[in-house]
């Protein structure tokens, strides 16, 4: 009996020690980490993010190695793309308005000094039968410009007809009293470019029926008073015809690429200013 009591005390003491040890061990367990686990190795601390199912992953494969990377958002516009907008310019942009001034008929002509030497009327062969219908150029103009019907007989003889001279207002029924005027005189044409033409071109100019204003039936007296003058030297006695006259002059010079000199240019411009 003397040995039993110490044994019971020893058992109870051991049990108490076990219980206390268990409590101590329980209290020393580390708390759970929800976000990350810290691993220390020598002097380097690495923080490893805890896996989460909220962030999807995509896998990029290069060769035999595989790397898992988080996805990136697709850009709405590639950095290298060019966006062209058709919208109206903003206030920061500058718009330019270009106004176009109508071109003067004179601006279509070459302004050059005249060639004054070497003219001969024989260099411009006329009158010829251009279309080979039996009527030469003079008669073609008389037929076309008669204000009343004409009768064309054999050999292109002309009967009847009435002609009005726009230069001076003269009217006639006698075709022989009218001249056929080269609106731009032959010598004027020579001086302003025809000197460089070949004979065929000069012949074509002298018999030009392609422009209604190139050749015109007028009174002989008005035609001879004009002679070979340009508008700086002579204008028709009928002032009401001046605008038509200079416009026709410009048209012929333009059609045949003939130049104007400064005096001529100024005279044309003065008339046009009043038209």
Protein backbone atom coordinates (compact mmCIF):
# COMPACT_ATOMS: atom_id res chain seq x y z
CA UNK A 1 0.00 0.00 0.00
CA UNK A 2 2.91 2.22 0.65
CA UNK A 3 4.05 1.94 -3.04
CA UNK A 4 0.62 2.33 -4.65
CA UNK A 5 0.00 5.98 -3.68
CA UNK A 6 3.25 7.28 -5.21
CA UNK A 7 2.47 5.37 -8.43
CA UNK A 8 -0.98 6.96 -8.75
CA UNK A 9 0.54 10.39 -8.21
CA UNK A 10 3.13 9.67 -10.90
CA UNK A 11 0.46 8.61 -13.39
CA UNK A 12 -1.63 11.71 -12.72
CA UNK A 13 1.46 13.91 -13.07
CA UNK A 14 2.36 12.32 -16.41
CA UNK A 15 -1.20 12.76 -17.64
CA UNK A 16 -1.15 16.42 -16.68
CA UNK A 17 2.18 16.89 -18.48
CA UNK A 18 0.75 15.25 -21.65
CA UNK A 19 -2.33 17.49 -21.55
CA UNK A 20 -0.28 20.63 -21.03
CA UNK A 21 2.11 19.63 -23.84
CA UNK A 22 -0.83 19.03 -26.19
CA UNK A 23 -2.26 22.48 -25.41
CA UNK A 24 1.10 24.12 -25.94
CA UNK A 25 1.55 22.40 -29.32
CA UNK A 26 -1.97 23.39 -30.42
CA UNK A 27 -1.42 27.02 -29.52
CA UNK A 28 1.83 27.09 -31.54
CA UNK A 29 0.21 26.01 -34.93
CA UNK A 30 0.54 28.87 -37.50
CA UNK A 31 -2.60 30.68 -38.70
CA UNK A 32 -3.76 29.89 -42.25
CA UNK A 33 -2.56 32.32 -44.97
CA UNK A 34 -5.31 33.35 -47.41
CA UNK A 35 -3.38 35.54 -49.84
CA UNK A 36 0.19 34.32 -50.20
CA UNK A 37 2.92 32.13 -48.85
CA UNK A 38 6.27 33.67 -48.04
CA UNK A 39 9.35 31.58 -48.75
CA UNK A 40 12.69 32.77 -47.51
CA UNK A 41 15.87 31.51 -49.03
CA UNK A 42 19.14 33.06 -47.91
CA UNK A 43 18.86 36.83 -48.51
CA UNK A 44 16.01 36.66 -51.12
CA UNK A 45 12.35 36.86 -50.25
CA UNK A 46 9.91 35.58 -52.88
CA UNK A 47 6.20 36.20 -52.64
CA UNK A 48 4.17 33.60 -54.51
CA UNK A 49 0.61 34.72 -55.32
CA UNK A 50 -2.00 32.29 -54.17
CA UNK A 51 -3.83 30.61 -57.07
CA UNK A 52 -7.30 31.89 -57.73
CA UNK A 53 -9.99 30.84 -60.15
CA UNK A 54 -11.07 34.45 -60.77
CA UNK A 55 -8.25 35.13 -63.31
CA UNK A 56 -8.25 32.89 -66.41
CA UNK A 57 -4.91 32.03 -67.92
CA UNK A 58 -3.82 31.53 -71.47
CA UNK A 59 -0.89 29.43 -72.50
CA UNK A 60 1.74 30.67 -74.91
CA UNK A 61 3.94 27.96 -76.39
CA UNK A 62 7.35 28.65 -77.87
CA UNK A 63 9.25 25.67 -79.19
CA UNK A 64 9.17 22.99 -76.53
CA UNK A 65 8.83 25.32 -73.56
CA UNK A 66 5.44 26.33 -72.24
CA UNK A 67 4.73 29.49 -70.29
CA UNK A 68 1.48 30.41 -68.65
CA UNK A 69 0.65 34.10 -68.86
CA UNK A 70 -2.40 36.10 -67.92
CA UNK A 71 -4.47 37.39 -70.87
CA UNK A 72 -4.28 41.01 -71.92
CA UNK A 73 -7.15 43.08 -73.18
CA UNK A 74 -7.33 43.54 -76.98
CA UNK A 75 -6.66 47.16 -77.93
CA UNK A 76 -9.53 48.92 -79.70
CA UNK A 77 -7.03 50.47 -82.11
CA UNK A 78 -3.68 49.00 -82.98
CA UNK A 79 -0.84 51.42 -82.22
CA UNK A 80 0.31 51.17 -85.84
CA UNK A 81 -3.10 51.47 -87.44
CA UNK A 82 -4.13 54.65 -89.22
CA UNK A 83 -7.61 56.01 -88.73
CA UNK A 84 -8.98 58.10 -91.57
CA UNK A 85 -11.90 60.26 -90.62
CA UNK A 86 -14.36 61.75 -93.09
CA UNK A 87 -15.74 64.11 -90.52
CA UNK A 88 -15.67 67.86 -91.04
CA UNK A 89 -12.43 69.55 -89.95
CA UNK A 90 -12.26 70.70 -86.38
CA UNK A 91 -11.53 74.26 -85.36
CA UNK A 92 -7.86 73.34 -84.99
CA UNK A 93 -7.65 72.46 -88.68
CA UNK A 94 -7.21 75.09 -91.36
CA UNK A 95 -9.42 75.14 -94.45
CA UNK A 96 -8.42 77.05 -97.58
CA UNK A 97 -10.88 78.54 -100.05
CA UNK A 98 -9.53 79.14 -103.55
CA UNK A 99 -11.38 81.62 -105.72
CA UNK A 100 -10.96 81.31 -109.47
CA UNK A 101 -11.10 84.48 -111.54
CA UNK A 102 -12.61 84.01 -115.01
CA UNK A 103 -9.92 84.12 -117.69
CA UNK A 104 -9.96 87.11 -120.06
CA UNK A 105 -10.01 86.15 -123.77
CA UNK A 106 -6.83 88.19 -124.12
CA UNK A 107 -5.04 85.90 -121.66
CA UNK A 108 -5.29 83.13 -124.25
CA UNK A 109 -3.10 85.04 -126.70
CA UNK A 110 0.70 85.30 -126.86
CA UNK A 111 2.04 88.79 -126.29
CA UNK A 112 5.08 89.28 -128.58
CA UNK A 113 6.66 91.94 -130.80
CA UNK A 114 5.72 91.66 -134.46
CA UNK A 115 7.92 90.37 -137.27
CA UNK A 116 7.87 93.36 -139.63
CA UNK A 117 9.89 92.20 -142.64
CA UNK A 118 9.49 89.94 -145.64
CA UNK A 119 5.73 90.03 -146.29
CA UNK A 120 4.39 89.38 -149.78
CA UNK A 121 0.69 88.91 -150.54
CA UNK A 122 1.56 86.18 -153.00
CA UNK A 123 2.71 84.01 -150.08
CA UNK A 124 -1.02 83.51 -149.28
CA UNK A 125 -2.61 81.85 -152.31
CA UNK A 126 -6.31 82.67 -152.68
CA UNK A 127 -9.09 82.40 -153.80
CA UNK A 128 -9.27 78.62 -154.30
CA UNK A 129 -12.05 76.05 -154.53
CA UNK A 130 -11.50 74.39 -151.16
CA UNK A 131 -14.27 71.81 -151.36
CA UNK A 132 -14.07 71.35 -155.17
CA UNK A 133 -17.73 72.18 -155.74
CA UNK A 134 -17.00 74.70 -158.51
CA UNK A 135 -17.20 77.79 -156.24
CA UNK A 136 -14.07 79.52 -155.00
CA UNK A 137 -13.73 80.95 -151.50
CA UNK A 138 -14.94 84.44 -152.44
CA UNK A 139 -18.18 83.11 -153.90
CA UNK A 140 -18.70 80.71 -150.99
CA UNK A 141 -18.66 83.69 -148.60
CA UNK A 142 -21.02 85.75 -150.77
CA UNK A 143 -23.50 82.86 -150.97
CA UNK A 144 -23.32 82.24 -147.22
CA UNK A 145 -23.73 85.90 -146.20
CA UNK A 146 -26.48 87.01 -148.51
CA UNK A 147 -29.52 88.09 -146.51
CA UNK A 148 -31.83 86.99 -149.37
CA UNK A 149 -31.74 83.81 -151.48
CA UNK A 150 -29.28 83.68 -154.37
CA UNK A 151 -29.31 81.66 -157.56
CA UNK A 152 -26.07 79.87 -158.33
CA UNK A 153 -25.59 79.17 -162.01
CA UNK A 154 -22.95 77.46 -164.07
CA UNK A 155 -19.40 78.30 -163.17
CA UNK A 156 -20.79 79.42 -159.76
CA UNK A 157 -22.29 82.59 -161.22
CA UNK A 158 -24.44 84.34 -158.61
CA UNK A 159 -27.80 85.95 -159.35
CA UNK A 160 -29.84 87.86 -156.85
CA UNK A 161 -28.81 88.32 -153.25
CA UNK A 162 -28.48 91.20 -150.80
CA UNK A 163 -25.44 91.99 -148.66
CA UNK A 164 -24.99 94.19 -145.62
CA UNK A 165 -21.60 95.58 -144.66
CA UNK A 166 -21.32 95.33 -140.87
CA UNK A 167 -18.33 97.68 -140.90
CA UNK A 168 -20.15 100.76 -142.17
CA UNK A 169 -23.81 99.81 -142.58
CA UNK A 170 -23.82 99.80 -146.39
CA UNK A 171 -26.33 97.51 -148.14
CA UNK A 172 -26.01 96.32 -151.74
CA UNK A 173 -27.49 93.90 -154.25
CA UNK A 174 -24.37 94.10 -156.37
CA UNK A 175 -21.92 91.50 -155.19
CA UNK A 176 -19.10 92.93 -157.23
CA UNK A 177 -19.14 96.10 -155.11
CA UNK A 178 -18.25 94.13 -151.99
CA UNK A 179 -14.87 92.81 -150.96
CA UNK A 180 -14.18 89.68 -148.96
CA UNK A 181 -12.13 90.90 -146.01
CA UNK A 182 -9.67 88.81 -144.10
CA UNK A 183 -10.71 89.90 -140.60
CA UNK A 184 -7.10 89.47 -139.53
CA UNK A 185 -5.30 90.87 -142.59
CA UNK A 186 -2.77 88.71 -144.38
CA UNK A 187 0.11 91.04 -143.54
CA UNK A 188 -0.96 91.13 -139.87
CA UNK A 189 -1.00 87.33 -139.87
CA UNK A 190 2.49 87.28 -141.36
CA UNK A 191 3.82 89.68 -138.77
CA UNK A 192 2.29 87.74 -135.86
CA UNK A 193 3.36 84.22 -136.77
CA UNK A 194 2.51 83.19 -140.32
CA UNK A 195 6.04 84.05 -141.49
CA UNK A 196 7.11 80.71 -139.98
CA UNK A 197 4.34 78.69 -141.67
CA UNK A 198 4.74 76.56 -144.76
CA UNK A 199 2.87 77.54 -147.99
CA UNK A 200 0.06 75.06 -147.33
CA UNK A 201 -0.69 76.58 -143.92
CA UNK A 202 -0.71 80.11 -145.33
CA UNK A 203 -3.06 79.00 -148.10
CA UNK A 204 -5.38 77.41 -145.55
CA UNK A 205 -5.47 80.63 -143.54
CA UNK A 206 -6.20 82.78 -146.61
CA UNK A 207 -9.16 80.55 -147.52
CA UNK A 208 -10.41 79.65 -144.06
CA UNK A 209 -14.11 78.72 -144.12
CA UNK A 210 -13.96 76.81 -140.83
CA UNK A 211 -14.52 79.99 -138.79
CA UNK A 212 -17.49 82.12 -139.83
CA UNK A 213 -15.64 85.26 -138.74
CA UNK A 214 -12.38 84.64 -140.60
CA UNK A 215 -13.72 85.98 -143.90
CA UNK A 216 -16.49 88.57 -144.14
CA UNK A 217 -18.26 90.36 -147.03
CA UNK A 218 -18.02 94.14 -146.56
CA UNK A 219 -18.12 97.28 -148.66
CA UNK A 220 -14.99 97.81 -150.73
CA UNK A 221 -14.51 101.29 -149.29
CA UNK A 222 -14.48 100.08 -145.67
CA UNK A 223 -12.16 97.22 -146.47
CA UNK A 224 -9.65 99.50 -148.17
CA UNK A 225 -9.74 102.04 -145.37
CA UNK A 226 -8.87 99.23 -142.99
CA UNK A 227 -6.02 98.03 -145.20
CA UNK A 228 -3.72 95.82 -143.06
CA UNK A 229 -4.25 97.66 -139.77
CA UNK A 230 -4.89 95.95 -136.44
CA UNK A 231 -7.39 97.32 -133.85
CA UNK A 232 -4.79 99.78 -132.59
CA UNK A 233 -4.84 101.37 -136.08
CA UNK A 234 -8.41 100.86 -137.25
CA UNK A 235 -11.87 99.97 -135.96
CA UNK A 236 -15.09 99.75 -138.01
CA UNK A 237 -16.92 103.07 -138.49
CA UNK A 238 -19.99 101.49 -136.89
CA UNK A 239 -19.17 101.69 -133.19
CA UNK A 240 -21.99 99.25 -132.36
CA UNK A 241 -19.93 96.58 -134.10
CA UNK A 242 -16.74 97.17 -132.13
CA UNK A 243 -17.34 94.51 -129.47
CA UNK A 244 -18.14 91.87 -132.09
CA UNK A 245 -15.17 92.94 -134.17
CA UNK A 246 -12.55 92.62 -131.42
CA UNK A 247 -14.09 89.36 -130.15
CA UNK A 248 -13.88 87.95 -133.68
CA UNK A 249 -10.30 89.24 -134.00
CA UNK A 250 -9.30 87.41 -130.82
CA UNK A 251 -11.07 84.24 -131.98
CA UNK A 252 -9.16 84.16 -135.27
CA UNK A 253 -5.81 84.86 -133.61
CA UNK A 254 -6.47 82.18 -131.04
CA UNK A 255 -7.56 79.62 -133.64
CA UNK A 256 -4.39 80.15 -135.68
CA UNK A 257 -2.03 80.66 -132.72
CA UNK A 258 -1.10 84.17 -133.80
CA UNK A 259 0.44 86.60 -131.33
CA UNK A 260 -0.52 90.17 -130.41
CA UNK A 261 1.84 93.05 -129.78
CA UNK A 262 1.49 95.47 -126.90
CA UNK A 263 -0.31 98.27 -128.80
CA UNK A 264 -2.74 95.74 -130.24
CA UNK A 265 -3.32 94.18 -126.83
CA UNK A 266 -4.06 97.52 -125.23
CA UNK A 267 -6.51 98.47 -127.99
CA UNK A 268 -8.35 95.17 -127.66
CA UNK A 269 -8.50 95.50 -123.89
CA UNK A 270 -9.89 99.05 -124.14
CA UNK A 271 -12.74 97.91 -126.37
CA UNK A 272 -13.50 94.84 -124.27
CA UNK A 273 -13.69 97.00 -121.15
CA UNK A 274 -16.74 98.68 -122.61
CA UNK A 275 -18.47 95.54 -123.85
